[in-house]
Amino acid sequence: MKTQRGMSRADLLALPVSFDLETAGRACGIGRTLAYDMAKRGEFPVRVLRLGKAYRVTRADLLRYLGEADDVMAAA
């Protein structure tokens, strides 16, 4: 079942430890262009790591922002 975020819970939990900004934007319901604009301004809703020219987001930060982190930790 897809959520408002654009990704199902199973999709979110299957994400690697870190991933690109476009994927994080999709999970948050933010388009690619806006996600990059927000990251450049320091306004993306999840912590963004800058590695050279690449933007990366961690699964833990994304799940915490989306309120899924507690569910994952309880299931572990």
N, C-alpha and C. Protein backbone atom coordinates (compact mmCIF):
# COMPACT_ATOMS: atom_id res chain seq x y z
N MET A 1 0.84 -1.20 0.00
CA MET A 1 0.00 0.00 0.00
C MET A 1 0.88 1.25 0.00
N LYS A 2 0.66 2.12 -0.95
CA LYS A 2 1.42 3.37 -1.03
C LYS A 2 0.85 4.38 -0.03
N THR A 3 1.71 5.21 0.49
CA THR A 3 1.30 6.25 1.42
C THR A 3 1.33 7.59 0.71
N GLN A 4 0.99 8.64 1.43
CA GLN A 4 1.07 9.99 0.88
C GLN A 4 2.49 10.32 0.45
N ARG A 5 3.46 9.67 1.07
CA ARG A 5 4.86 9.96 0.81
C ARG A 5 5.28 9.55 -0.59
N GLY A 6 4.56 8.65 -1.22
CA GLY A 6 4.95 8.19 -2.54
C GLY A 6 5.70 6.88 -2.51
N MET A 7 5.98 6.36 -1.32
CA MET A 7 6.65 5.06 -1.17
C MET A 7 5.90 4.27 -0.11
N SER A 8 5.80 2.98 -0.32
CA SER A 8 5.15 2.15 0.68
C SER A 8 6.09 1.95 1.87
N ARG A 9 5.56 1.49 2.97
CA ARG A 9 6.38 1.22 4.15
C ARG A 9 7.44 0.18 3.82
N ALA A 10 7.06 -0.83 3.05
CA ALA A 10 8.01 -1.86 2.64
C ALA A 10 9.13 -1.26 1.81
N ASP A 11 8.79 -0.32 0.91
CA ASP A 11 9.81 0.37 0.10
C ASP A 11 10.78 1.13 1.00
N LEU A 12 10.24 1.83 1.99
CA LEU A 12 11.08 2.60 2.90
C LEU A 12 12.03 1.70 3.67
N LEU A 13 11.52 0.60 4.17
CA LEU A 13 12.35 -0.31 4.96
C LEU A 13 13.38 -1.04 4.12
N ALA A 14 13.14 -1.13 2.82
CA ALA A 14 14.08 -1.82 1.93
C ALA A 14 15.18 -0.89 1.41
N LEU A 15 15.13 0.37 1.74
CA LEU A 15 16.15 1.31 1.28
C LEU A 15 17.51 0.94 1.85
N PRO A 16 18.59 1.21 1.10
CA PRO A 16 19.93 0.98 1.63
C PRO A 16 20.24 1.97 2.76
N VAL A 17 21.35 1.82 3.40
CA VAL A 17 21.73 2.68 4.54
C VAL A 17 21.77 4.15 4.13
N SER A 18 22.28 4.44 2.93
CA SER A 18 22.23 5.81 2.42
C SER A 18 21.86 5.75 0.94
N PHE A 19 21.28 6.83 0.45
CA PHE A 19 20.76 6.86 -0.92
C PHE A 19 20.71 8.30 -1.39
N ASP A 20 20.38 8.46 -2.68
CA ASP A 20 20.41 9.78 -3.30
C ASP A 20 19.25 10.66 -2.86
N LEU A 21 19.41 11.93 -3.12
CA LEU A 21 18.42 12.93 -2.73
C LEU A 21 17.10 12.75 -3.46
N GLU A 22 17.16 12.31 -4.70
CA GLU A 22 15.94 12.10 -5.48
C GLU A 22 15.04 11.06 -4.81
N THR A 23 15.63 9.99 -4.31
CA THR A 23 14.87 8.95 -3.62
C THR A 23 14.26 9.50 -2.33
N ALA A 24 15.05 10.26 -1.58
CA ALA A 24 14.55 10.87 -0.35
C ALA A 24 13.40 11.83 -0.65
N GLY A 25 13.55 12.60 -1.70
CA GLY A 25 12.47 13.51 -2.09
C GLY A 25 11.20 12.76 -2.42
N ARG A 26 11.32 11.67 -3.18
CA ARG A 26 10.15 10.86 -3.54
C ARG A 26 9.47 10.34 -2.27
N ALA A 27 10.25 9.89 -1.30
CA ALA A 27 9.67 9.39 -0.06
C ALA A 27 8.93 10.47 0.71
N CYS A 28 9.39 11.71 0.57
CA CYS A 28 8.77 12.84 1.27
C CYS A 28 7.69 13.53 0.43
N GLY A 29 7.49 13.06 -0.79
CA GLY A 29 6.50 13.69 -1.66
C GLY A 29 6.99 14.98 -2.29
N ILE A 30 8.31 15.08 -2.47
CA ILE A 30 8.93 16.28 -3.03
C ILE A 30 9.55 15.91 -4.37
N GLY A 31 9.31 16.70 -5.38
CA GLY A 31 9.88 16.45 -6.70
C GLY A 31 11.38 16.66 -6.73
N ARG A 32 12.02 16.15 -7.78
CA ARG A 32 13.47 16.19 -7.91
C ARG A 32 14.03 17.61 -7.88
N THR A 33 13.48 18.50 -8.69
CA THR A 33 14.00 19.86 -8.77
C THR A 33 13.86 20.59 -7.44
N LEU A 34 12.70 20.49 -6.83
CA LEU A 34 12.49 21.14 -5.54
C LEU A 34 13.39 20.55 -4.47
N ALA A 35 13.58 19.23 -4.49
CA ALA A 35 14.45 18.59 -3.50
C ALA A 35 15.87 19.15 -3.59
N TYR A 36 16.40 19.26 -4.80
CA TYR A 36 17.75 19.81 -4.96
C TYR A 36 17.81 21.28 -4.57
N ASP A 37 16.79 22.04 -4.92
CA ASP A 37 16.75 23.46 -4.53
C ASP A 37 16.73 23.58 -3.01
N MET A 38 15.92 22.78 -2.36
CA MET A 38 15.83 22.82 -0.90
C MET A 38 17.15 22.41 -0.26
N ALA A 39 17.79 21.39 -0.79
CA ALA A 39 19.07 20.93 -0.25
C ALA A 39 20.13 22.01 -0.38
N LYS A 40 20.16 22.69 -1.51
CA LYS A 40 21.14 23.76 -1.72
C LYS A 40 20.95 24.90 -0.74
N ARG A 41 19.69 25.15 -0.37
CA ARG A 41 19.37 26.23 0.58
C ARG A 41 19.42 25.75 2.03
N GLY A 42 19.66 24.47 2.25
CA GLY A 42 19.68 23.93 3.61
C GLY A 42 18.29 23.79 4.19
N GLU A 43 17.27 23.63 3.34
CA GLU A 43 15.87 23.57 3.79
C GLU A 43 15.21 22.22 3.60
N PHE A 44 15.96 21.21 3.14
CA PHE A 44 15.35 19.90 2.95
C PHE A 44 14.95 19.38 4.33
N PRO A 45 13.78 18.74 4.46
CA PRO A 45 13.28 18.36 5.79
C PRO A 45 14.08 17.27 6.50
N VAL A 46 14.98 16.62 5.80
CA VAL A 46 15.82 15.57 6.38
C VAL A 46 17.27 16.01 6.24
N ARG A 47 18.11 15.64 7.19
CA ARG A 47 19.53 15.98 7.11
C ARG A 47 20.12 15.44 5.81
N VAL A 48 20.82 16.30 5.09
CA VAL A 48 21.43 15.93 3.82
C VAL A 48 22.95 15.98 3.97
N LEU A 49 23.60 14.90 3.56
CA LEU A 49 25.06 14.83 3.60
C LEU A 49 25.60 15.21 2.23
N ARG A 50 26.60 16.04 2.20
CA ARG A 50 27.21 16.45 0.94
C ARG A 50 28.53 15.72 0.80
N LEU A 51 28.63 14.88 -0.22
CA LEU A 51 29.85 14.13 -0.49
C LEU A 51 30.35 14.54 -1.87
N GLY A 52 31.27 15.48 -1.91
CA GLY A 52 31.69 16.05 -3.18
C GLY A 52 30.53 16.80 -3.78
N LYS A 53 30.13 16.41 -4.97
CA LYS A 53 28.98 17.05 -5.62
C LYS A 53 27.68 16.30 -5.35
N ALA A 54 27.78 15.16 -4.70
CA ALA A 54 26.60 14.31 -4.48
C ALA A 54 25.93 14.65 -3.14
N TYR A 55 24.61 14.54 -3.14
CA TYR A 55 23.82 14.67 -1.92
C TYR A 55 23.35 13.28 -1.52
N ARG A 56 23.49 12.94 -0.24
CA ARG A 56 23.05 11.64 0.26
C ARG A 56 22.20 11.85 1.50
N VAL A 57 21.28 10.93 1.72
CA VAL A 57 20.41 10.93 2.91
C VAL A 57 20.50 9.54 3.51
N THR A 58 20.49 9.46 4.84
CA THR A 58 20.54 8.15 5.48
C THR A 58 19.13 7.63 5.74
N ARG A 59 19.00 6.32 5.70
CA ARG A 59 17.72 5.68 5.96
C ARG A 59 17.22 6.03 7.36
N ALA A 60 18.13 6.02 8.35
CA ALA A 60 17.74 6.32 9.73
C ALA A 60 17.13 7.71 9.85
N ASP A 61 17.76 8.71 9.22
CA ASP A 61 17.23 10.08 9.28
C ASP A 61 15.87 10.18 8.59
N LEU A 62 15.74 9.53 7.43
CA LEU A 62 14.47 9.57 6.71
C LEU A 62 13.36 8.90 7.51
N LEU A 63 13.63 7.72 8.05
CA LEU A 63 12.62 7.01 8.84
C LEU A 63 12.23 7.80 10.08
N ARG A 64 13.20 8.45 10.70
CA ARG A 64 12.91 9.27 11.88
C ARG A 64 11.99 10.43 11.49
N TYR A 65 12.29 11.10 10.40
CA TYR A 65 11.46 12.22 9.93
C TYR A 65 10.04 11.76 9.61
N LEU A 66 9.91 10.59 8.99
CA LEU A 66 8.60 10.09 8.59
C LEU A 66 7.85 9.39 9.73
N GLY A 67 8.48 9.29 10.90
CA GLY A 67 7.83 8.67 12.05
C GLY A 67 7.83 7.16 12.01
N GLU A 68 8.69 6.57 11.20
CA GLU A 68 8.76 5.11 11.07
C GLU A 68 9.86 4.52 11.93
N ALA A 69 10.78 5.33 12.45
CA ALA A 69 11.94 4.81 13.17
C ALA A 69 11.53 4.03 14.41
N ASP A 70 10.56 4.52 15.16
CA ASP A 70 10.15 3.83 16.38
C ASP A 70 9.55 2.46 16.06
N ASP A 71 8.77 2.37 14.98
CA ASP A 71 8.17 1.10 14.58
C ASP A 71 9.25 0.10 14.20
N VAL A 72 10.27 0.56 13.50
CA VAL A 72 11.36 -0.33 13.07
C VAL A 72 12.13 -0.83 14.28
N MET A 73 12.43 0.05 15.23
CA MET A 73 13.18 -0.34 16.41
C MET A 73 12.36 -1.30 17.28
N ALA A 74 11.06 -1.11 17.37
CA ALA A 74 10.21 -2.00 18.15
C ALA A 74 10.15 -3.38 17.54
N ALA A 75 10.19 -3.46 16.23
CA ALA A 75 10.12 -4.75 15.53
C ALA A 75 11.45 -5.50 15.58
N ALA A 76 12.54 -4.80 15.85
CA ALA A 76 13.87 -5.44 15.84
C ALA A 76 14.11 -6.29 17.06
